[in-house]
């Protein structure tokens, strides 16, 4: 065991942090996050003096919402520094607040840039498959952040569980950054569809009809509307939906399962979590 490294689980990572510690040969502990009657959080850290601290926090809604989890991880990081941690890192299986990367109206907060400023306390922030829109990388706004890819894990899952022939499908132009490298590794063809968004819950996906067995790949599955629209173009009997992160709001998982098999990573714990992100995160610590 690497005595100098400690993996510290925050409330959003209790389902995977112990596995990251074991695979990286690190010691393991948990943040104690209690709530006062007025809903304030009381944060207590284990002894981290002289250690490289790897806080693990996944920002998805659950027993604590994402705003609580943000406070939890910031209070933990500052406390780790005050109590003698050597270096402080953040592992984010799923990181929220990246979608607002431009000010569309006067006074609107650009949450992605603000988040980057708040996270300057960390030596490095590692994010599993971040949802980047107009920024194509972290370089321009989040200099201490680095993407963690699940391309190899997704490729391996498809090879082991889905028989050829099939075609990979991206529901919109943004999805090409995930579809293209996976298709290259599998040596199969892919198609990227076009999406028009009317508002957050209504989209229209267009393109040619797909008559082969289809694997539709996207980064985040939230309401599932984009994938359901893409599935309307698939005329084959078998459809697989693969997402890097499964939020599954508004009964999305059940809706998608009526159309095909759903697979997501364990960045967020769900019954569809078949892609394991812990090995890639453990490599960082090694």
C-alpha atoms as a PDB file:
ATOM      1  CA  UNK A   1       0.000   0.000   0.000  1.00  0.00           C
ATOM      2  CA  UNK A   2       1.239   3.484  -0.860  1.00  0.00           C
ATOM      3  CA  UNK A   3       1.319   5.113   2.545  1.00  0.00           C
ATOM      4  CA  UNK A   4       1.715   8.604   1.058  1.00  0.00           C
ATOM      5  CA  UNK A   5      -1.598   8.505  -0.828  1.00  0.00           C
ATOM      6  CA  UNK A   6      -5.061   8.516   0.694  1.00  0.00           C
ATOM      7  CA  UNK A   7      -8.342   8.263  -1.201  1.00  0.00           C
ATOM      8  CA  UNK A   8     -11.030  10.182   0.682  1.00  0.00           C
ATOM      9  CA  UNK A   9     -14.619   9.469  -0.307  1.00  0.00           C
ATOM     10  CA  UNK A  10     -17.143  12.307  -0.316  1.00  0.00           C
ATOM     11  CA  UNK A  11     -20.887  11.567  -0.188  1.00  0.00           C
ATOM     12  CA  UNK A  12     -21.255  11.247  -3.970  1.00  0.00           C
ATOM     13  CA  UNK A  13     -18.561   8.602  -4.349  1.00  0.00           C
ATOM     14  CA  UNK A  14     -19.215   6.066  -1.609  1.00  0.00           C
ATOM     15  CA  UNK A  15     -20.207   3.521  -4.275  1.00  0.00           C
ATOM     16  CA  UNK A  16     -16.797   3.550  -6.021  1.00  0.00           C
ATOM     17  CA  UNK A  17     -14.119   5.310  -3.939  1.00  0.00           C
ATOM     18  CA  UNK A  18     -13.103   2.177  -2.003  1.00  0.00           C
ATOM     19  CA  UNK A  19     -12.505   0.374  -5.306  1.00  0.00           C
ATOM     20  CA  UNK A  20     -10.313   3.256  -6.525  1.00  0.00           C
ATOM     21  CA  UNK A  21      -8.266   3.052  -3.319  1.00  0.00           C
ATOM     22  CA  UNK A  22      -7.828  -0.715  -3.597  1.00  0.00           C
ATOM     23  CA  UNK A  23      -6.833  -0.637  -7.277  1.00  0.00           C
ATOM     24  CA  UNK A  24      -4.339   2.183  -6.692  1.00  0.00           C
ATOM     25  CA  UNK A  25      -2.838   0.671  -3.547  1.00  0.00           C
ATOM     26  CA  UNK A  26      -3.846   3.706  -1.474  1.00  0.00           C
ATOM     27  CA  UNK A  27      -5.266   4.007   2.012  1.00  0.00           C
ATOM     28  CA  UNK A  28      -8.964   4.816   2.276  1.00  0.00           C
ATOM     29  CA  UNK A  29     -11.146   7.059   4.433  1.00  0.00           C
ATOM     30  CA  UNK A  30     -14.436   8.939   4.237  1.00  0.00           C
ATOM     31  CA  UNK A  31     -15.523  12.521   4.781  1.00  0.00           C
ATOM     32  CA  UNK A  32     -17.983  12.844   7.636  1.00  0.00           C
ATOM     33  CA  UNK A  33     -20.750  15.155   6.439  1.00  0.00           C
ATOM     34  CA  UNK A  34     -23.439  15.856   9.038  1.00  0.00           C
ATOM     35  CA  UNK A  35     -26.273  18.328   8.813  1.00  0.00           C
ATOM     36  CA  UNK A  36     -27.229  20.950  11.389  1.00  0.00           C
ATOM     37  CA  UNK A  37     -30.953  21.673  11.982  1.00  0.00           C
ATOM     38  CA  UNK A  38     -30.746  24.737   9.719  1.00  0.00           C
ATOM     39  CA  UNK A  39     -29.389  22.440   6.913  1.00  0.00           C
ATOM     40  CA  UNK A  40     -25.777  23.691   7.168  1.00  0.00           C
ATOM     41  CA  UNK A  41     -23.168  20.987   6.635  1.00  0.00           C
ATOM     42  CA  UNK A  42     -20.612  20.060   9.280  1.00  0.00           C
ATOM     43  CA  UNK A  43     -17.577  18.565   7.553  1.00  0.00           C
ATOM     44  CA  UNK A  44     -14.951  16.457   9.319  1.00  0.00           C
ATOM     45  CA  UNK A  45     -11.896  14.932   7.629  1.00  0.00           C
ATOM     46  CA  UNK A  46      -9.694  12.002   8.669  1.00  0.00           C
ATOM     47  CA  UNK A  47      -6.026  12.600   9.481  1.00  0.00           C
ATOM     48  CA  UNK A  48      -4.386  13.611   6.176  1.00  0.00           C
ATOM     49  CA  UNK A  49      -1.207  15.248   7.497  1.00  0.00           C
ATOM     50  CA  UNK A  50       1.750  14.708   5.168  1.00  0.00           C
ATOM     51  CA  UNK A  51      -0.320  12.750   2.615  1.00  0.00           C
ATOM     52  CA  UNK A  52      -1.330  13.249  -0.982  1.00  0.00           C
ATOM     53  CA  UNK A  53      -5.111  13.538  -0.693  1.00  0.00           C
ATOM     54  CA  UNK A  54      -7.385  12.344  -3.495  1.00  0.00           C
ATOM     55  CA  UNK A  55     -10.892  13.556  -2.745  1.00  0.00           C
ATOM     56  CA  UNK A  56     -13.500  11.700  -4.788  1.00  0.00           C
ATOM     57  CA  UNK A  57     -16.822  13.414  -5.451  1.00  0.00           C
ATOM     58  CA  UNK A  58     -19.480  12.733  -8.080  1.00  0.00           C
ATOM     59  CA  UNK A  59     -21.909  15.628  -8.498  1.00  0.00           C
ATOM     60  CA  UNK A  60     -25.276  13.995  -9.104  1.00  0.00           C
ATOM     61  CA  UNK A  61     -28.591  14.573  -7.292  1.00  0.00           C
ATOM     62  CA  UNK A  62     -29.237  12.114  -4.491  1.00  0.00           C
ATOM     63  CA  UNK A  63     -29.521  12.190  -0.715  1.00  0.00           C
ATOM     64  CA  UNK A  64     -27.443  15.370  -0.950  1.00  0.00           C
ATOM     65  CA  UNK A  65     -28.007  17.613  -3.950  1.00  0.00           C
ATOM     66  CA  UNK A  66     -25.166  18.848  -6.165  1.00  0.00           C
ATOM     67  CA  UNK A  67     -24.921  22.168  -4.311  1.00  0.00           C
ATOM     68  CA  UNK A  68     -24.400  20.369  -0.992  1.00  0.00           C
ATOM     69  CA  UNK A  69     -21.768  18.230  -2.670  1.00  0.00           C
ATOM     70  CA  UNK A  70     -19.983  21.316  -3.961  1.00  0.00           C
ATOM     71  CA  UNK A  71     -19.816  22.809  -0.456  1.00  0.00           C
ATOM     72  CA  UNK A  72     -18.731  19.446   0.941  1.00  0.00           C
ATOM     73  CA  UNK A  73     -15.790  19.068  -1.430  1.00  0.00           C
ATOM     74  CA  UNK A  74     -14.618  22.689  -1.066  1.00  0.00           C
ATOM     75  CA  UNK A  75     -14.773  22.599   2.733  1.00  0.00           C
ATOM     76  CA  UNK A  76     -12.932  19.271   2.634  1.00  0.00           C
ATOM     77  CA  UNK A  77     -10.186  20.618   0.383  1.00  0.00           C
ATOM     78  CA  UNK A  78      -9.564  23.727   2.485  1.00  0.00           C
ATOM     79  CA  UNK A  79      -9.598  21.657   5.675  1.00  0.00           C
ATOM     80  CA  UNK A  80      -7.104  19.208   4.165  1.00  0.00           C
ATOM     81  CA  UNK A  81      -4.749  22.078   3.372  1.00  0.00           C
ATOM     82  CA  UNK A  82      -5.155  23.611   6.841  1.00  0.00           C
ATOM     83  CA  UNK A  83      -4.469  20.273   8.562  1.00  0.00           C
ATOM     84  CA  UNK A  84      -1.217  19.519   6.744  1.00  0.00           C
ATOM     85  CA  UNK A  85      -2.039  17.613   3.541  1.00  0.00           C
ATOM     86  CA  UNK A  86       0.889  17.455   1.168  1.00  0.00           C
ATOM     87  CA  UNK A  87      -0.996  17.819  -2.122  1.00  0.00           C
ATOM     88  CA  UNK A  88      -4.739  17.843  -2.770  1.00  0.00           C
ATOM     89  CA  UNK A  89      -6.371  16.373  -5.861  1.00  0.00           C
ATOM     90  CA  UNK A  90      -9.986  15.954  -6.919  1.00  0.00           C
ATOM     91  CA  UNK A  91     -11.334  12.951  -8.816  1.00  0.00           C
ATOM     92  CA  UNK A  92     -14.730  13.691 -10.396  1.00  0.00           C
ATOM     93  CA  UNK A  93     -16.569  10.690 -11.823  1.00  0.00           C
ATOM     94  CA  UNK A  94     -19.281  13.171 -12.833  1.00  0.00           C
ATOM     95  CA  UNK A  95     -18.851  16.951 -12.703  1.00  0.00           C
ATOM     96  CA  UNK A  96     -21.834  19.312 -12.895  1.00  0.00           C
ATOM     97  CA  UNK A  97     -21.948  23.045 -13.742  1.00  0.00           C
ATOM     98  CA  UNK A  98     -20.078  22.757 -17.058  1.00  0.00           C
ATOM     99  CA  UNK A  99     -23.001  23.438 -19.435  1.00  0.00           C
ATOM    100  CA  UNK A 100     -23.127  27.210 -18.762  1.00  0.00           C
ATOM    101  CA  UNK A 101     -19.970  28.262 -20.601  1.00  0.00           C
ATOM    102  CA  UNK A 102     -21.222  31.487 -22.215  1.00  0.00           C
ATOM    103  CA  UNK A 103     -23.247  34.520 -21.102  1.00  0.00           C
ATOM    104  CA  UNK A 104     -26.356  34.557 -23.287  1.00  0.00           C
ATOM    105  CA  UNK A 105     -28.106  37.399 -21.446  1.00  0.00           C
ATOM    106  CA  UNK A 106     -27.053  40.261 -19.204  1.00  0.00           C
ATOM    107  CA  UNK A 107     -26.249  39.122 -15.680  1.00  0.00           C
ATOM    108  CA  UNK A 108     -26.199  35.391 -16.424  1.00  0.00           C
ATOM    109  CA  UNK A 109     -23.559  33.468 -14.459  1.00  0.00           C
ATOM    110  CA  UNK A 110     -20.989  31.527 -16.482  1.00  0.00           C
ATOM    111  CA  UNK A 111     -20.885  28.597 -14.082  1.00  0.00           C
ATOM    112  CA  UNK A 112     -18.092  26.692 -15.861  1.00  0.00           C
ATOM    113  CA  UNK A 113     -15.635  29.567 -15.419  1.00  0.00           C
ATOM    114  CA  UNK A 114     -16.702  30.185 -11.809  1.00  0.00           C
ATOM    115  CA  UNK A 115     -16.277  26.497 -10.998  1.00  0.00           C
ATOM    116  CA  UNK A 116     -12.747  26.585 -12.411  1.00  0.00           C
ATOM    117  CA  UNK A 117     -11.900  29.495 -10.080  1.00  0.00           C
ATOM    118  CA  UNK A 118     -13.371  27.725  -7.043  1.00  0.00           C
ATOM    119  CA  UNK A 119     -11.326  24.610  -7.815  1.00  0.00           C
ATOM    120  CA  UNK A 120      -7.959  26.381  -7.968  1.00  0.00           C
ATOM    121  CA  UNK A 121      -7.226  24.928  -4.517  1.00  0.00           C
ATOM    122  CA  UNK A 122      -6.647  21.533  -6.130  1.00  0.00           C
ATOM    123  CA  UNK A 123      -3.302  20.569  -7.602  1.00  0.00           C
ATOM    124  CA  UNK A 124      -5.255  18.782 -10.346  1.00  0.00           C
ATOM    125  CA  UNK A 125      -8.906  18.006 -11.069  1.00  0.00           C
ATOM    126  CA  UNK A 126      -9.580  14.801 -13.015  1.00  0.00           C
ATOM    127  CA  UNK A 127     -13.000  14.623 -14.689  1.00  0.00           C
ATOM    128  CA  UNK A 128     -14.503  11.524 -16.274  1.00  0.00           C
ATOM    129  CA  UNK A 129     -15.884  12.391 -19.722  1.00  0.00           C
ATOM    130  CA  UNK A 130     -16.723  16.068 -19.075  1.00  0.00           C
ATOM    131  CA  UNK A 131     -19.700  17.621 -20.855  1.00  0.00           C
ATOM    132  CA  UNK A 132     -17.976  20.438 -22.758  1.00  0.00           C
ATOM    133  CA  UNK A 133     -19.982  22.563 -25.192  1.00  0.00           C
ATOM    134  CA  UNK A 134     -18.273  25.535 -26.829  1.00  0.00           C
ATOM    135  CA  UNK A 135     -14.966  24.736 -25.107  1.00  0.00           C
ATOM    136  CA  UNK A 136     -13.447  21.710 -26.817  1.00  0.00           C
ATOM    137  CA  UNK A 137     -10.949  21.172 -24.003  1.00  0.00           C
ATOM    138  CA  UNK A 138     -10.249  22.430 -20.494  1.00  0.00           C
ATOM    139  CA  UNK A 139      -7.234  24.509 -21.600  1.00  0.00           C
ATOM    140  CA  UNK A 140      -8.991  27.843 -22.074  1.00  0.00           C
ATOM    141  CA  UNK A 141     -10.952  28.053 -18.840  1.00  0.00           C
ATOM    142  CA  UNK A 142      -9.915  25.295 -16.408  1.00  0.00           C
ATOM    143  CA  UNK A 143      -6.106  24.962 -16.538  1.00  0.00           C
ATOM    144  CA  UNK A 144      -5.757  22.472 -13.662  1.00  0.00           C
ATOM    145  CA  UNK A 145      -8.439  20.104 -15.007  1.00  0.00           C
ATOM    146  CA  UNK A 146      -7.861  17.006 -17.120  1.00  0.00           C
ATOM    147  CA  UNK A 147     -10.256  14.718 -18.963  1.00  0.00           C
ATOM    148  CA  UNK A 148     -10.448  11.024 -18.092  1.00  0.00           C
ATOM    149  CA  UNK A 149     -11.624   8.980 -21.078  1.00  0.00           C
ATOM    150  CA  UNK A 150     -13.848   5.896 -21.006  1.00  0.00           C
ATOM    151  CA  UNK A 151     -13.168   5.028 -24.651  1.00  0.00           C
ATOM    152  CA  UNK A 152     -11.219   1.866 -23.784  1.00  0.00           C
ATOM    153  CA  UNK A 153     -13.769   0.724 -21.203  1.00  0.00           C
ATOM    154  CA  UNK A 154     -16.680   1.303 -23.612  1.00  0.00           C
ATOM    155  CA  UNK A 155     -14.871  -0.441 -26.466  1.00  0.00           C
ATOM    156  CA  UNK A 156     -14.116  -3.423 -24.249  1.00  0.00           C
ATOM    157  CA  UNK A 157     -17.752  -3.675 -23.121  1.00  0.00           C
ATOM    158  CA  UNK A 158     -19.038  -3.658 -26.709  1.00  0.00           C
ATOM    159  CA  UNK A 159     -16.499  -6.287 -27.797  1.00  0.00           C
ATOM    160  CA  UNK A 160     -17.484  -8.619 -24.969  1.00  0.00           C
ATOM    161  CA  UNK A 161     -21.259  -8.151 -24.999  1.00  0.00           C
ATOM    162  CA  UNK A 162     -22.554  -7.135 -28.438  1.00  0.00           C
ATOM    163  CA  UNK A 163     -22.125  -9.314 -31.502  1.00  0.00           C
ATOM    164  CA  UNK A 164     -21.271  -7.830 -34.888  1.00  0.00           C
ATOM    165  CA  UNK A 165     -22.517  -6.581 -37.262  1.00  0.00           C
ATOM    166  CA  UNK A 166     -23.662  -3.241 -35.891  1.00  0.00           C
ATOM    167  CA  UNK A 167     -23.299   0.457 -36.592  1.00  0.00           C
ATOM    168  CA  UNK A 168     -22.439   3.156 -34.061  1.00  0.00           C
ATOM    169  CA  UNK A 169     -24.755   6.160 -34.041  1.00  0.00           C
ATOM    170  CA  UNK A 170     -24.173   9.638 -32.638  1.00  0.00           C
ATOM    171  CA  UNK A 171     -27.432  11.551 -32.069  1.00  0.00           C
ATOM    172  CA  UNK A 172     -25.840  14.973 -32.690  1.00  0.00           C
ATOM    173  CA  UNK A 173     -22.589  16.655 -33.709  1.00  0.00           C
ATOM    174  CA  UNK A 174     -21.297  16.864 -30.123  1.00  0.00           C
ATOM    175  CA  UNK A 175     -21.480  13.088 -29.763  1.00  0.00           C
ATOM    176  CA  UNK A 176     -18.856  12.551 -32.476  1.00  0.00           C
ATOM    177  CA  UNK A 177     -16.068  13.060 -29.926  1.00  0.00           C
ATOM    178  CA  UNK A 178     -17.180   9.817 -28.222  1.00  0.00           C
ATOM    179  CA  UNK A 179     -18.447   7.849 -31.220  1.00  0.00           C
ATOM    180  CA  UNK A 180     -15.498   8.353 -33.560  1.00  0.00           C
ATOM    181  CA  UNK A 181     -12.654   6.983 -31.365  1.00  0.00           C
ATOM    182  CA  UNK A 182     -14.761   4.000 -30.265  1.00  0.00           C
ATOM    183  CA  UNK A 183     -15.636   3.192 -33.898  1.00  0.00           C
ATOM    184  CA  UNK A 184     -11.960   3.395 -34.818  1.00  0.00           C
ATOM    185  CA  UNK A 185     -10.960   0.942 -32.088  1.00  0.00           C
ATOM    186  CA  UNK A 186     -13.757  -1.452 -33.056  1.00  0.00           C
ATOM    187  CA  UNK A 187     -13.079  -1.005 -36.784  1.00  0.00           C
ATOM    188  CA  UNK A 188     -16.748  -0.408 -37.567  1.00  0.00           C
ATOM    189  CA  UNK A 189     -18.612   2.345 -39.372  1.00  0.00           C
ATOM    190  CA  UNK A 190     -20.566   5.095 -37.678  1.00  0.00           C
ATOM    191  CA  UNK A 191     -23.076   7.798 -38.525  1.00  0.00           C
ATOM    192  CA  UNK A 192     -23.704  11.185 -36.894  1.00  0.00           C
ATOM    193  CA  UNK A 193     -27.253  12.525 -36.936  1.00  0.00           C
ATOM    194  CA  UNK A 194     -28.444  16.135 -36.787  1.00  0.00           C
ATOM    195  CA  UNK A 195     -30.278  17.577 -33.806  1.00  0.00           C
ATOM    196  CA  UNK A 196     -32.376  20.702 -33.505  1.00  0.00           C
ATOM    197  CA  UNK A 197     -33.209  21.810 -29.973  1.00  0.00           C
ATOM    198  CA  UNK A 198     -36.416  23.747 -29.347  1.00  0.00           C
ATOM    199  CA  UNK A 199     -36.035  23.858 -25.551  1.00  0.00           C
ATOM    200  CA  UNK A 200     -34.545  21.709 -22.784  1.00  0.00           C
ATOM    201  CA  UNK A 201     -37.192  18.990 -23.163  1.00  0.00           C
ATOM    202  CA  UNK A 202     -37.938  19.059 -26.877  1.00  0.00           C
ATOM    203  CA  UNK A 203     -35.527  18.123 -29.654  1.00  0.00           C
ATOM    204  CA  UNK A 204     -35.798  16.860 -33.218  1.00  0.00           C
ATOM    205  CA  UNK A 205     -33.209  14.413 -34.580  1.00  0.00           C
ATOM    206  CA  UNK A 206     -32.933  13.921 -38.338  1.00  0.00           C
ATOM    207  CA  UNK A 207     -30.888  11.824 -40.738  1.00  0.00           C
ATOM    208  CA  UNK A 208     -31.021   8.690 -42.875  1.00  0.00           C
ATOM    209  CA  UNK A 209     -32.940   5.629 -41.739  1.00  0.00           C
ATOM    210  CA  UNK A 210     -30.733   3.035 -40.063  1.00  0.00           C
ATOM    211  CA  UNK A 211     -31.515  -0.580 -40.901  1.00  0.00           C
ATOM    212  CA  UNK A 212     -28.552  -2.258 -39.124  1.00  0.00           C
ATOM    213  CA  UNK A 213     -28.325  -3.164 -35.437  1.00  0.00           C
ATOM    214  CA  UNK A 214     -27.557   0.181 -33.813  1.00  0.00           C
ATOM    215  CA  UNK A 215     -25.514   1.291 -30.811  1.00  0.00           C
ATOM    216  CA  UNK A 216     -26.475   4.892 -30.040  1.00  0.00           C
ATOM    217  CA  UNK A 217     -23.759   6.629 -27.989  1.00  0.00           C
ATOM    218  CA  UNK A 218     -23.900   9.931 -26.090  1.00  0.00           C
ATOM    219  CA  UNK A 219     -22.184  11.426 -23.066  1.00  0.00           C
ATOM    220  CA  UNK A 220     -25.012  12.286 -20.652  1.00  0.00           C
ATOM    221  CA  UNK A 221     -28.424  10.657 -20.563  1.00  0.00           C
ATOM    222  CA  UNK A 222     -30.688  13.091 -18.723  1.00  0.00           C
ATOM    223  CA  UNK A 223     -34.323  13.062 -19.889  1.00  0.00           C
ATOM    224  CA  UNK A 224     -33.419  10.595 -22.657  1.00  0.00           C
ATOM    225  CA  UNK A 225     -35.315  12.636 -25.243  1.00  0.00           C
ATOM    226  CA  UNK A 226     -32.360  12.953 -27.629  1.00  0.00           C
ATOM    227  CA  UNK A 227     -31.753   9.191 -27.668  1.00  0.00           C
ATOM    228  CA  UNK A 228     -35.452   8.416 -28.034  1.00  0.00           C
ATOM    229  CA  UNK A 229     -35.647  10.758 -31.023  1.00  0.00           C
ATOM    230  CA  UNK A 230     -32.573   9.144 -32.576  1.00  0.00           C
ATOM    231  CA  UNK A 231     -34.108   5.691 -32.046  1.00  0.00           C
ATOM    232  CA  UNK A 232     -37.053   6.665 -34.301  1.00  0.00           C
ATOM    233  CA  UNK A 233     -34.647   6.480 -37.252  1.00  0.00           C
ATOM    234  CA  UNK A 234     -33.531   2.953 -36.391  1.00  0.00           C
ATOM    235  CA  UNK A 235     -35.606   0.326 -38.194  1.00  0.00           C
ATOM    236  CA  UNK A 236     -33.629  -2.684 -36.939  1.00  0.00           C
ATOM    237  CA  UNK A 237     -35.060  -4.739 -34.078  1.00  0.00           C
ATOM    238  CA  UNK A 238     -32.059  -4.365 -31.787  1.00  0.00           C
ATOM    239  CA  UNK A 239     -30.927  -1.054 -30.259  1.00  0.00           C
ATOM    240  CA  UNK A 240     -28.346  -0.408 -27.554  1.00  0.00           C
ATOM    241  CA  UNK A 241     -28.097   2.967 -25.811  1.00  0.00           C
ATOM    242  CA  UNK A 242     -24.710   3.772 -24.273  1.00  0.00           C
ATOM    243  CA  UNK A 243     -24.099   6.874 -22.170  1.00  0.00           C
ATOM    244  CA  UNK A 244     -21.034   7.935 -20.225  1.00  0.00           C
ATOM    245  CA  UNK A 245     -23.226   9.278 -17.397  1.00  0.00           C
ATOM    246  CA  UNK A 246     -26.777   8.226 -16.512  1.00  0.00           C
ATOM    247  CA  UNK A 247     -28.785  10.934 -14.747  1.00  0.00           C
ATOM    248  CA  UNK A 248     -32.115   9.456 -15.906  1.00  0.00           C
ATOM    249  CA  UNK A 249     -34.477  12.242 -14.892  1.00  0.00           C
ATOM    250  CA  UNK A 250     -38.218  12.082 -15.604  1.00  0.00           C
ATOM    251  CA  UNK A 251     -38.356   8.265 -15.774  1.00  0.00           C
ATOM    252  CA  UNK A 252     -35.856   8.262 -18.646  1.00  0.00           C
ATOM    253  CA  UNK A 253     -34.371   4.839 -17.908  1.00  0.00           C
ATOM    254  CA  UNK A 254     -37.720   3.042 -18.136  1.00  0.00           C
ATOM    255  CA  UNK A 255     -38.631   4.925 -21.324  1.00  0.00           C
ATOM    256  CA  UNK A 256     -35.358   3.931 -22.982  1.00  0.00           C
ATOM    257  CA  UNK A 257     -35.590   0.305 -21.852  1.00  0.00           C
ATOM    258  CA  UNK A 258     -38.844  -0.030 -23.765  1.00  0.00           C
ATOM    259  CA  UNK A 259     -36.812   0.645 -26.938  1.00  0.00           C
ATOM    260  CA  UNK A 260     -33.562  -1.183 -26.209  1.00  0.00           C
ATOM    261  CA  UNK A 261     -30.804  -2.070 -23.758  1.00  0.00           C
ATOM    262  CA  UNK A 262     -29.294   0.802 -21.741  1.00  0.00           C
ATOM    263  CA  UNK A 263     -25.655   0.904 -20.566  1.00  0.00           C
ATOM    264  CA  UNK A 264     -23.937   3.722 -18.640  1.00  0.00           C
ATOM    265  CA  UNK A 265     -20.872   4.079 -16.434  1.00  0.00           C
ATOM    266  CA  UNK A 266     -20.827   3.852 -12.651  1.00  0.00           C
ATOM    267  CA  UNK A 267     -19.938   7.546 -12.330  1.00  0.00           C
ATOM    268  CA  UNK A 268     -23.515   7.729 -11.050  1.00  0.00           C
ATOM    269  CA  UNK A 269     -24.920   4.580  -9.395  1.00  0.00           C
ATOM    270  CA  UNK A 270     -27.828   3.104 -11.391  1.00  0.00           C
ATOM    271  CA  UNK A 271     -29.126  -0.335 -12.367  1.00  0.00           C
ATOM    272  CA  UNK A 272     -27.735   0.310 -15.869  1.00  0.00           C
ATOM    273  CA  UNK A 273     -24.168   1.021 -14.650  1.00  0.00           C
ATOM    274  CA  UNK A 274     -22.080  -1.534 -16.539  1.00  0.00           C
ATOM    275  CA  UNK A 275     -19.053   0.582 -17.544  1.00  0.00           C
ATOM    276  CA  UNK A 276     -16.485   0.831 -14.747  1.00  0.00           C
ATOM    277  CA  UNK A 277     -14.664   4.171 -14.369  1.00  0.00           C
ATOM    278  CA  UNK A 278     -12.644   3.138 -11.283  1.00  0.00           C
ATOM    279  CA  UNK A 279      -9.730   1.561 -13.160  1.00  0.00           C
ATOM    280  CA  UNK A 280      -9.045   4.728 -15.159  1.00  0.00           C
ATOM    281  CA  UNK A 281      -9.223   6.856 -11.998  1.00  0.00           C
ATOM    282  CA  UNK A 282      -6.951   4.464 -10.096  1.00  0.00           C
ATOM    283  CA  UNK A 283      -4.313   4.765 -12.856  1.00  0.00           C
ATOM    284  CA  UNK A 284      -4.025   8.481 -12.069  1.00  0.00           C
ATOM    285  CA  UNK A 285      -2.990   7.758  -8.486  1.00  0.00           C
ATOM    286  CA  UNK A 286      -0.550   5.015  -9.511  1.00  0.00           C
END
